[in-house]
Amino acid sequence: MVERFGFSKKIEEVAIGGPGGKPFLGQQMSSQKYYSMAIADVVDGEVRDLVETAYSRAKQIITAHIDNLHKLAQLLIEKETVDGKEFMSLFIDGKA
């Protein structure tokens, strides 16, 4: 996101990645970078910030709903599957 589409406050709306290639891991690992090490450090920092923010938000959501998640886990142990209506009633009403 940061490198290819410029989704970053520090880099702004500038795509700094090179031309797209084949969607294989080997291609991505061997692709040439079209920017300096200083910019690479900024990209790494921005990616790190995105990951840390997402992790923090996920942890916050899980912590806030831990009781319902435990109820959901127990329900899944009992029934193996839960439909959307049951899932929503558990998180909205607190009961399945």
PDB file of N, CA and C in Angstrom:
ATOM      1  N   MET A   1       0.822  -1.190   0.000  1.00  0.00           N
ATOM      2  CA  MET A   1       0.000   0.000   0.000  1.00  0.00           C
ATOM      3  C   MET A   1       0.865   1.252   0.000  1.00  0.00           C
ATOM      4  N   VAL A   2       1.853   1.260   0.843  1.00  0.00           N
ATOM      5  CA  VAL A   2       2.695   2.446   0.968  1.00  0.00           C
ATOM      6  C   VAL A   2       3.549   2.628  -0.277  1.00  0.00           C
ATOM      7  N   GLU A   3       4.205   1.573  -0.686  1.00  0.00           N
ATOM      8  CA  GLU A   3       5.141   1.659  -1.810  1.00  0.00           C
ATOM      9  C   GLU A   3       4.436   1.789  -3.147  1.00  0.00           C
ATOM     10  N   ARG A   4       3.444   0.964  -3.358  1.00  0.00           N
ATOM     11  CA  ARG A   4       2.838   0.896  -4.681  1.00  0.00           C
ATOM     12  C   ARG A   4       1.781   1.955  -4.936  1.00  0.00           C
ATOM     13  N   PHE A   5       1.032   2.324  -3.879  1.00  0.00           N
ATOM     14  CA  PHE A   5      -0.082   3.244  -4.066  1.00  0.00           C
ATOM     15  C   PHE A   5       0.107   4.579  -3.354  1.00  0.00           C
ATOM     16  N   GLY A   6       1.181   4.725  -2.569  1.00  0.00           N
ATOM     17  CA  GLY A   6       1.444   5.984  -1.895  1.00  0.00           C
ATOM     18  C   GLY A   6       0.511   6.281  -0.747  1.00  0.00           C
ATOM     19  N   PHE A   7      -0.015   5.237  -0.085  1.00  0.00           N
ATOM     20  CA  PHE A   7      -0.922   5.454   1.046  1.00  0.00           C
ATOM     21  C   PHE A   7      -0.101   5.726   2.301  1.00  0.00           C
ATOM     22  N   SER A   8       0.369   6.944   2.432  1.00  0.00           N
ATOM     23  CA  SER A   8       1.205   7.302   3.559  1.00  0.00           C
ATOM     24  C   SER A   8       1.210   8.807   3.731  1.00  0.00           C
ATOM     25  N   LYS A   9       1.158   9.254   4.979  1.00  0.00           N
ATOM     26  CA  LYS A   9       1.228  10.694   5.222  1.00  0.00           C
ATOM     27  C   LYS A   9       2.621  11.235   4.920  1.00  0.00           C
ATOM     28  N   LYS A  10       3.641  10.444   5.183  1.00  0.00           N
ATOM     29  CA  LYS A  10       5.013  10.902   4.952  1.00  0.00           C
ATOM     30  C   LYS A  10       5.383  10.879   3.472  1.00  0.00           C
ATOM     31  N   ILE A  11       4.918   9.874   2.757  1.00  0.00           N
ATOM     32  CA  ILE A  11       5.251   9.757   1.337  1.00  0.00           C
ATOM     33  C   ILE A  11       4.208  10.461   0.487  1.00  0.00           C
ATOM     34  N   GLU A  12       3.037  10.643   1.057  1.00  0.00           N
ATOM     35  CA  GLU A  12       1.906  11.294   0.410  1.00  0.00           C
ATOM     36  C   GLU A  12       1.379  10.446  -0.740  1.00  0.00           C
ATOM     37  N   GLU A  13       0.771  11.066  -1.704  1.00  0.00           N
ATOM     38  CA  GLU A  13       0.096  10.337  -2.784  1.00  0.00           C
ATOM     39  C   GLU A  13       1.050  10.014  -3.933  1.00  0.00           C
ATOM     40  N   VAL A  14       2.219   9.514  -3.607  1.00  0.00           N
ATOM     41  CA  VAL A  14       3.210   9.201  -4.628  1.00  0.00           C
ATOM     42  C   VAL A  14       3.478   7.702  -4.600  1.00  0.00           C
ATOM     43  N   ALA A  15       3.283   7.064  -5.732  1.00  0.00           N
ATOM     44  CA  ALA A  15       3.628   5.648  -5.850  1.00  0.00           C
ATOM     45  C   ALA A  15       5.104   5.570  -6.191  1.00  0.00           C
ATOM     46  N   ILE A  16       5.885   4.943  -5.321  1.00  0.00           N
ATOM     47  CA  ILE A  16       7.324   4.900  -5.556  1.00  0.00           C
ATOM     48  C   ILE A  16       7.801   3.553  -6.051  1.00  0.00           C
ATOM     49  N   GLY A  17       6.917   2.571  -6.113  1.00  0.00           N
ATOM     50  CA  GLY A  17       7.298   1.250  -6.604  1.00  0.00           C
ATOM     51  C   GLY A  17       7.508   1.275  -8.105  1.00  0.00           C
ATOM     52  N   GLY A  18       8.253   0.329  -8.569  1.00  0.00           N
ATOM     53  CA  GLY A  18       8.503   0.207  -9.999  1.00  0.00           C
ATOM     54  C   GLY A  18       7.343  -0.448 -10.711  1.00  0.00           C
ATOM     55  N   PRO A  19       7.518  -0.782 -11.953  1.00  0.00           N
ATOM     56  CA  PRO A  19       6.450  -1.431 -12.708  1.00  0.00           C
ATOM     57  C   PRO A  19       6.082  -2.774 -12.105  1.00  0.00           C
ATOM     58  N   GLY A  20       4.820  -3.124 -12.203  1.00  0.00           N
ATOM     59  CA  GLY A  20       4.349  -4.395 -11.655  1.00  0.00           C
ATOM     60  C   GLY A  20       4.961  -5.566 -12.393  1.00  0.00           C
ATOM     61  N   GLY A  21       5.051  -6.666 -11.701  1.00  0.00           N
ATOM     62  CA  GLY A  21       5.632  -7.852 -12.307  1.00  0.00           C
ATOM     63  C   GLY A  21       4.725  -9.040 -12.117  1.00  0.00           C
ATOM     64  N   LYS A  22       5.289 -10.208 -12.286  1.00  0.00           N
ATOM     65  CA  LYS A  22       4.532 -11.434 -12.086  1.00  0.00           C
ATOM     66  C   LYS A  22       4.184 -11.568 -10.610  1.00  0.00           C
ATOM     67  N   PRO A  23       3.031 -12.102 -10.288  1.00  0.00           N
ATOM     68  CA  PRO A  23       2.614 -12.172  -8.887  1.00  0.00           C
ATOM     69  C   PRO A  23       3.196 -13.358  -8.126  1.00  0.00           C
ATOM     70  N   PHE A  24       4.454 -13.652  -8.349  1.00  0.00           N
ATOM     71  CA  PHE A  24       5.088 -14.757  -7.654  1.00  0.00           C
ATOM     72  C   PHE A  24       6.103 -14.212  -6.667  1.00  0.00           C
ATOM     73  N   LEU A  25       6.262 -14.912  -5.551  1.00  0.00           N
ATOM     74  CA  LEU A  25       7.160 -14.452  -4.501  1.00  0.00           C
ATOM     75  C   LEU A  25       8.571 -14.230  -5.020  1.00  0.00           C
ATOM     76  N   GLY A  26       9.086 -15.133  -5.827  1.00  0.00           N
ATOM     77  CA  GLY A  26      10.438 -14.979  -6.361  1.00  0.00           C
ATOM     78  C   GLY A  26      10.600 -13.701  -7.157  1.00  0.00           C
ATOM     79  N   GLN A  27       9.600 -13.329  -7.918  1.00  0.00           N
ATOM     80  CA  GLN A  27       9.635 -12.102  -8.708  1.00  0.00           C
ATOM     81  C   GLN A  27       9.691 -10.882  -7.794  1.00  0.00           C
ATOM     82  N   GLN A  28       8.892 -10.904  -6.739  1.00  0.00           N
ATOM     83  CA  GLN A  28       8.868  -9.773  -5.823  1.00  0.00           C
ATOM     84  C   GLN A  28      10.184  -9.639  -5.077  1.00  0.00           C
ATOM     85  N   MET A  29      10.786 -10.742  -4.729  1.00  0.00           N
ATOM     86  CA  MET A  29      12.032 -10.695  -3.972  1.00  0.00           C
ATOM     87  C   MET A  29      13.192 -10.206  -4.824  1.00  0.00           C
ATOM     88  N   SER A  30      13.146 -10.477  -6.100  1.00  0.00           N
ATOM     89  CA  SER A  30      14.267 -10.093  -6.947  1.00  0.00           C
ATOM     90  C   SER A  30      14.009  -8.798  -7.712  1.00  0.00           C
ATOM     91  N   SER A  31      12.860  -8.165  -7.478  1.00  0.00           N
ATOM     92  CA  SER A  31      12.563  -6.959  -8.236  1.00  0.00           C
ATOM     93  C   SER A  31      13.453  -5.803  -7.802  1.00  0.00           C
ATOM     94  N   GLN A  32      13.768  -4.956  -8.743  1.00  0.00           N
ATOM     95  CA  GLN A  32      14.646  -3.824  -8.503  1.00  0.00           C
ATOM     96  C   GLN A  32      13.866  -2.699  -7.848  1.00  0.00           C
ATOM     97  N   LYS A  33      14.494  -2.025  -6.889  1.00  0.00           N
ATOM     98  CA  LYS A  33      13.873  -0.888  -6.228  1.00  0.00           C
ATOM     99  C   LYS A  33      14.248   0.378  -6.990  1.00  0.00           C
ATOM    100  N   TYR A  34      13.288   1.281  -7.121  1.00  0.00           N
ATOM    101  CA  TYR A  34      13.485   2.510  -7.877  1.00  0.00           C
ATOM    102  C   TYR A  34      13.564   3.716  -6.956  1.00  0.00           C
ATOM    103  N   TYR A  35      14.101   3.520  -5.736  1.00  0.00           N
ATOM    104  CA  TYR A  35      14.226   4.617  -4.803  1.00  0.00           C
ATOM    105  C   TYR A  35      15.406   4.359  -3.864  1.00  0.00           C
ATOM    106  N   SER A  36      15.803   5.387  -3.124  1.00  0.00           N
ATOM    107  CA  SER A  36      16.998   5.318  -2.283  1.00  0.00           C
ATOM    108  C   SER A  36      16.740   4.533  -0.996  1.00  0.00           C
ATOM    109  N   MET A  37      17.823   4.245  -0.298  1.00  0.00           N
ATOM    110  CA  MET A  37      17.718   3.564   0.994  1.00  0.00           C
ATOM    111  C   MET A  37      17.002   4.452   2.010  1.00  0.00           C
ATOM    112  N   ALA A  38      17.163   5.750   1.907  1.00  0.00           N
ATOM    113  CA  ALA A  38      16.477   6.672   2.822  1.00  0.00           C
ATOM    114  C   ALA A  38      14.961   6.549   2.645  1.00  0.00           C
ATOM    115  N   ILE A  39      14.511   6.509   1.403  1.00  0.00           N
ATOM    116  CA  ILE A  39      13.083   6.337   1.134  1.00  0.00           C
ATOM    117  C   ILE A  39      12.640   4.944   1.584  1.00  0.00           C
ATOM    118  N   ALA A  40      13.492   3.944   1.379  1.00  0.00           N
ATOM    119  CA  ALA A  40      13.165   2.588   1.827  1.00  0.00           C
ATOM    120  C   ALA A  40      12.961   2.559   3.339  1.00  0.00           C
ATOM    121  N   ASP A  41      13.772   3.310   4.074  1.00  0.00           N
ATOM    122  CA  ASP A  41      13.615   3.389   5.525  1.00  0.00           C
ATOM    123  C   ASP A  41      12.287   4.041   5.900  1.00  0.00           C
ATOM    124  N   VAL A  42      11.894   5.075   5.151  1.00  0.00           N
ATOM    125  CA  VAL A  42      10.605   5.732   5.397  1.00  0.00           C
ATOM    126  C   VAL A  42       9.470   4.751   5.126  1.00  0.00           C
ATOM    127  N   VAL A  43       9.563   4.020   4.011  1.00  0.00           N
ATOM    128  CA  VAL A  43       8.534   3.025   3.669  1.00  0.00           C
ATOM    129  C   VAL A  43       8.451   1.973   4.772  1.00  0.00           C
ATOM    130  N   ASP A  44       9.594   1.470   5.219  1.00  0.00           N
ATOM    131  CA  ASP A  44       9.609   0.466   6.291  1.00  0.00           C
ATOM    132  C   ASP A  44       8.952   1.011   7.559  1.00  0.00           C
ATOM    133  N   GLY A  45       9.247   2.252   7.893  1.00  0.00           N
ATOM    134  CA  GLY A  45       8.649   2.870   9.074  1.00  0.00           C
ATOM    135  C   GLY A  45       7.145   3.016   8.941  1.00  0.00           C
ATOM    136  N   GLU A  46       6.698   3.417   7.765  1.00  0.00           N
ATOM    137  CA  GLU A  46       5.263   3.575   7.525  1.00  0.00           C
ATOM    138  C   GLU A  46       4.544   2.233   7.588  1.00  0.00           C
ATOM    139  N   VAL A  47       5.148   1.205   7.012  1.00  0.00           N
ATOM    140  CA  VAL A  47       4.556  -0.134   7.060  1.00  0.00           C
ATOM    141  C   VAL A  47       4.511  -0.614   8.506  1.00  0.00           C
ATOM    142  N   ARG A  48       5.589  -0.391   9.243  1.00  0.00           N
ATOM    143  CA  ARG A  48       5.625  -0.776  10.651  1.00  0.00           C
ATOM    144  C   ARG A  48       4.506  -0.075  11.424  1.00  0.00           C
ATOM    145  N   ASP A  49       4.315   1.225  11.179  1.00  0.00           N
ATOM    146  CA  ASP A  49       3.240   1.969  11.846  1.00  0.00           C
ATOM    147  C   ASP A  49       1.866   1.399  11.502  1.00  0.00           C
ATOM    148  N   LEU A  50       1.649   1.059  10.232  1.00  0.00           N
ATOM    149  CA  LEU A  50       0.368   0.474   9.817  1.00  0.00           C
ATOM    150  C   LEU A  50       0.107  -0.848  10.538  1.00  0.00           C
ATOM    151  N   VAL A  51       1.125  -1.684  10.612  1.00  0.00           N
ATOM    152  CA  VAL A  51       0.982  -2.989  11.258  1.00  0.00           C
ATOM    153  C   VAL A  51       0.736  -2.811  12.755  1.00  0.00           C
ATOM    154  N   GLU A  52       1.489  -1.929  13.393  1.00  0.00           N
ATOM    155  CA  GLU A  52       1.309  -1.702  14.829  1.00  0.00           C
ATOM    156  C   GLU A  52      -0.074  -1.132  15.134  1.00  0.00           C
ATOM    157  N   THR A  53      -0.560  -0.222  14.296  1.00  0.00           N
ATOM    158  CA  THR A  53      -1.886   0.349  14.482  1.00  0.00           C
ATOM    159  C   THR A  53      -2.964  -0.723  14.317  1.00  0.00           C
ATOM    160  N   ALA A  54      -2.828  -1.538  13.291  1.00  0.00           N
ATOM    161  CA  ALA A  54      -3.798  -2.605  13.046  1.00  0.00           C
ATOM    162  C   ALA A  54      -3.779  -3.619  14.196  1.00  0.00           C
ATOM    163  N   TYR A  55      -2.594  -3.971  14.675  1.00  0.00           N
ATOM    164  CA  TYR A  55      -2.475  -4.907  15.794  1.00  0.00           C
ATOM    165  C   TYR A  55      -3.139  -4.342  17.037  1.00  0.00           C
ATOM    166  N   SER A  56      -2.868  -3.078  17.322  1.00  0.00           N
ATOM    167  CA  SER A  56      -3.441  -2.432  18.496  1.00  0.00           C
ATOM    168  C   SER A  56      -4.965  -2.391  18.416  1.00  0.00           C
ATOM    169  N   ARG A  57      -5.481  -2.057  17.232  1.00  0.00           N
ATOM    170  CA  ARG A  57      -6.937  -1.990  17.038  1.00  0.00           C
ATOM    171  C   ARG A  57      -7.571  -3.373  17.176  1.00  0.00           C
ATOM    172  N   ALA A  58      -6.939  -4.393  16.596  1.00  0.00           N
ATOM    173  CA  ALA A  58      -7.456  -5.762  16.701  1.00  0.00           C
ATOM    174  C   ALA A  58      -7.466  -6.225  18.158  1.00  0.00           C
ATOM    175  N   LYS A  59      -6.395  -5.936  18.872  1.00  0.00           N
ATOM    176  CA  LYS A  59      -6.302  -6.317  20.281  1.00  0.00           C
ATOM    177  C   LYS A  59      -7.383  -5.609  21.098  1.00  0.00           C
ATOM    178  N   GLN A  60      -7.625  -4.340  20.795  1.00  0.00           N
ATOM    179  CA  GLN A  60      -8.654  -3.564  21.489  1.00  0.00           C
ATOM    180  C   GLN A  60     -10.043  -4.175  21.252  1.00  0.00           C
ATOM    181  N   ILE A  61     -10.332  -4.536  20.014  1.00  0.00           N
ATOM    182  CA  ILE A  61     -11.630  -5.119  19.677  1.00  0.00           C
ATOM    183  C   ILE A  61     -11.815  -6.473  20.366  1.00  0.00           C
ATOM    184  N   ILE A  62     -10.781  -7.303  20.310  1.00  0.00           N
ATOM    185  CA  ILE A  62     -10.858  -8.627  20.943  1.00  0.00           C
ATOM    186  C   ILE A  62     -11.036  -8.488  22.450  1.00  0.00           C
ATOM    187  N   THR A  63     -10.283  -7.584  23.065  1.00  0.00           N
ATOM    188  CA  THR A  63     -10.388  -7.383  24.510  1.00  0.00           C
ATOM    189  C   THR A  63     -11.783  -6.890  24.902  1.00  0.00           C
ATOM    190  N   ALA A  64     -12.330  -5.983  24.112  1.00  0.00           N
ATOM    191  CA  ALA A  64     -13.649  -5.430  24.412  1.00  0.00           C
ATOM    192  C   ALA A  64     -14.755  -6.482  24.304  1.00  0.00           C
ATOM    193  N   HIS A  65     -14.544  -7.482  23.464  1.00  0.00           N
ATOM    194  CA  HIS A  65     -15.584  -8.489  23.220  1.00  0.00           C
ATOM    195  C   HIS A  65     -15.178  -9.882  23.673  1.00  0.00           C
ATOM    196  N   ILE A  66     -14.246  -9.962  24.613  1.00  0.00           N
ATOM    197  CA  ILE A  66     -13.705 -11.262  25.000  1.00  0.00           C
ATOM    198  C   ILE A  66     -14.778 -12.201  25.563  1.00  0.00           C
ATOM    199  N   ASP A  67     -15.723 -11.660  26.330  1.00  0.00           N
ATOM    200  CA  ASP A  67     -16.778 -12.525  26.894  1.00  0.00           C
ATOM    201  C   ASP A  67     -17.624 -13.154  25.789  1.00  0.00           C
ATOM    202  N   ASN A  68     -18.006 -12.346  24.811  1.00  0.00           N
ATOM    203  CA  ASN A  68     -18.786 -12.882  23.691  1.00  0.00           C
ATOM    204  C   ASN A  68     -17.970 -13.855  22.847  1.00  0.00           C
ATOM    205  N   LEU A  69     -16.679 -13.614  22.721  1.00  0.00           N
ATOM    206  CA  LEU A  69     -15.830 -14.534  21.968  1.00  0.00           C
ATOM    207  C   LEU A  69     -15.747 -15.888  22.664  1.00  0.00           C
ATOM    208  N   HIS A  70     -15.685 -15.870  23.997  1.00  0.00           N
ATOM    209  CA  HIS A  70     -15.690 -17.131  24.745  1.00  0.00           C
ATOM    210  C   HIS A  70     -17.024 -17.852  24.580  1.00  0.00           C
ATOM    211  N   LYS A  71     -18.130 -17.085  24.610  1.00  0.00           N
ATOM    212  CA  LYS A  71     -19.444 -17.690  24.388  1.00  0.00           C
ATOM    213  C   LYS A  71     -19.525 -18.289  22.982  1.00  0.00           C
ATOM    214  N   LEU A  72     -18.988 -17.568  22.002  1.00  0.00           N
ATOM    215  CA  LEU A  72     -18.979 -18.062  20.632  1.00  0.00           C
ATOM    216  C   LEU A  72     -18.157 -19.340  20.526  1.00  0.00           C
ATOM    217  N   ALA A  73     -17.001 -19.369  21.160  1.00  0.00           N
ATOM    218  CA  ALA A  73     -16.156 -20.569  21.141  1.00  0.00           C
ATOM    219  C   ALA A  73     -16.899 -21.754  21.737  1.00  0.00           C
ATOM    220  N   GLN A  74     -17.581 -21.549  22.866  1.00  0.00           N
ATOM    221  CA  GLN A  74     -18.338 -22.628  23.503  1.00  0.00           C
ATOM    222  C   GLN A  74     -19.471 -23.099  22.600  1.00  0.00           C
ATOM    223  N   LEU A  75     -20.161 -22.147  21.981  1.00  0.00           N
ATOM    224  CA  LEU A  75     -21.253 -22.491  21.069  1.00  0.00           C
ATOM    225  C   LEU A  75     -20.736 -23.302  19.883  1.00  0.00           C
ATOM    226  N   LEU A  76     -19.574 -22.926  19.365  1.00  0.00           N
ATOM    227  CA  LEU A  76     -18.984 -23.661  18.242  1.00  0.00           C
ATOM    228  C   LEU A  76     -18.546 -25.065  18.661  1.00  0.00           C
ATOM    229  N   ILE A  77     -18.101 -25.216  19.889  1.00  0.00           N
ATOM    230  CA  ILE A  77     -17.739 -26.549  20.383  1.00  0.00           C
ATOM    231  C   ILE A  77     -18.990 -27.430  20.430  1.00  0.00           C
ATOM    232  N   GLU A  78     -20.099 -26.841  20.853  1.00  0.00           N
ATOM    233  CA  GLU A  78     -21.347 -27.589  20.970  1.00  0.00           C
ATOM    234  C   GLU A  78     -21.981 -27.883  19.612  1.00  0.00           C
ATOM    235  N   LYS A  79     -22.016 -26.886  18.733  1.00  0.00           N
ATOM    236  CA  LYS A  79     -22.770 -27.009  17.490  1.00  0.00           C
ATOM    237  C   LYS A  79     -21.922 -27.188  16.231  1.00  0.00           C
ATOM    238  N   GLU A  80     -20.661 -26.826  16.284  1.00  0.00           N
ATOM    239  CA  GLU A  80     -19.718 -26.859  15.163  1.00  0.00           C
ATOM    240  C   GLU A  80     -19.930 -25.747  14.139  1.00  0.00           C
ATOM    241  N   THR A  81     -21.149 -25.310  13.943  1.00  0.00           N
ATOM    242  CA  THR A  81     -21.395 -24.204  13.010  1.00  0.00           C
ATOM    243  C   THR A  81     -22.374 -23.222  13.645  1.00  0.00           C
ATOM    244  N   VAL A  82     -22.237 -21.971  13.266  1.00  0.00           N
ATOM    245  CA  VAL A  82     -23.121 -20.916  13.733  1.00  0.00           C
ATOM    246  C   VAL A  82     -23.483 -20.085  12.522  1.00  0.00           C
ATOM    247  N   ASP A  83     -24.774 -19.845  12.331  1.00  0.00           N
ATOM    248  CA  ASP A  83     -25.162 -19.030  11.184  1.00  0.00           C
ATOM    249  C   ASP A  83     -25.058 -17.538  11.537  1.00  0.00           C
ATOM    250  N   GLY A  84     -25.262 -16.705  10.546  1.00  0.00           N
ATOM    251  CA  GLY A  84     -25.113 -15.272  10.730  1.00  0.00           C
ATOM    252  C   GLY A  84     -26.051 -14.702  11.765  1.00  0.00           C
ATOM    253  N   LYS A  85     -27.282 -15.202  11.789  1.00  0.00           N
ATOM    254  CA  LYS A  85     -28.277 -14.716  12.744  1.00  0.00           C
ATOM    255  C   LYS A  85     -27.844 -15.028  14.177  1.00  0.00           C
ATOM    256  N   GLU A  86     -27.367 -16.253  14.400  1.00  0.00           N
ATOM    257  CA  GLU A  86     -26.894 -16.632  15.734  1.00  0.00           C
ATOM    258  C   GLU A  86     -25.676 -15.800  16.143  1.00  0.00           C
ATOM    259  N   PHE A  87     -24.782 -15.613  15.201  1.00  0.00           N
ATOM    260  CA  PHE A  87     -23.576 -14.831  15.472  1.00  0.00           C
ATOM    261  C   PHE A  87     -23.940 -13.407  15.863  1.00  0.00           C
ATOM    262  N   MET A  88     -24.807 -12.781  15.079  1.00  0.00           N
ATOM    263  CA  MET A  88     -25.193 -11.392  15.359  1.00  0.00           C
ATOM    264  C   MET A  88     -25.955 -11.276  16.669  1.00  0.00           C
ATOM    265  N   SER A  89     -26.827 -12.246  16.975  1.00  0.00           N
ATOM    266  CA  SER A  89     -27.570 -12.163  18.227  1.00  0.00           C
ATOM    267  C   SER A  89     -26.630 -12.303  19.419  1.00  0.00           C
ATOM    268  N   LEU A  90     -25.570 -13.067  19.277  1.00  0.00           N
ATOM    269  CA  LEU A  90     -24.599 -13.212  20.333  1.00  0.00           C
ATOM    270  C   LEU A  90     -23.886 -11.894  20.605  1.00  0.00           C
ATOM    271  N   PHE A  91     -23.529 -11.189  19.564  1.00  0.00           N
ATOM    272  CA  PHE A  91     -22.782  -9.943  19.736  1.00  0.00           C
ATOM    273  C   PHE A  91     -23.667  -8.728  19.952  1.00  0.00           C
ATOM    274  N   ILE A  92     -24.903  -8.775  19.509  1.00  0.00           N
ATOM    275  CA  ILE A  92     -25.807  -7.636  19.704  1.00  0.00           C
ATOM    276  C   ILE A  92     -26.602  -7.809  21.002  1.00  0.00           C
ATOM    277  N   ASP A  93     -27.217  -8.980  21.173  1.00  0.00           N
ATOM    278  CA  ASP A  93     -28.055  -9.237  22.356  1.00  0.00           C
ATOM    279  C   ASP A  93     -27.282  -9.847  23.509  1.00  0.00           C
ATOM    280  N   GLY A  94     -26.119 -10.421  23.218  1.00  0.00           N
ATOM    281  CA  GLY A  94     -25.345 -11.099  24.253  1.00  0.00           C
ATOM    282  C   GLY A  94     -25.775 -12.518  24.494  1.00  0.00           C
ATOM    283  N   LYS A  95     -26.639 -13.037  23.614  1.00  0.00           N
ATOM    284  CA  LYS A  95     -27.078 -14.430  23.766  1.00  0.00           C
ATOM    285  C   LYS A  95     -27.304 -15.042  22.385  1.00  0.00           C
ATOM    286  N   ALA A  96     -27.146 -16.322  22.305  1.00  0.00           N
ATOM    287  CA  ALA A  96     -27.354 -17.008  21.029  1.00  0.00           C
ATOM    288  C   ALA A  96     -28.603 -17.848  21.066  1.00  0.00           C
TER     289      ALA A  96
END
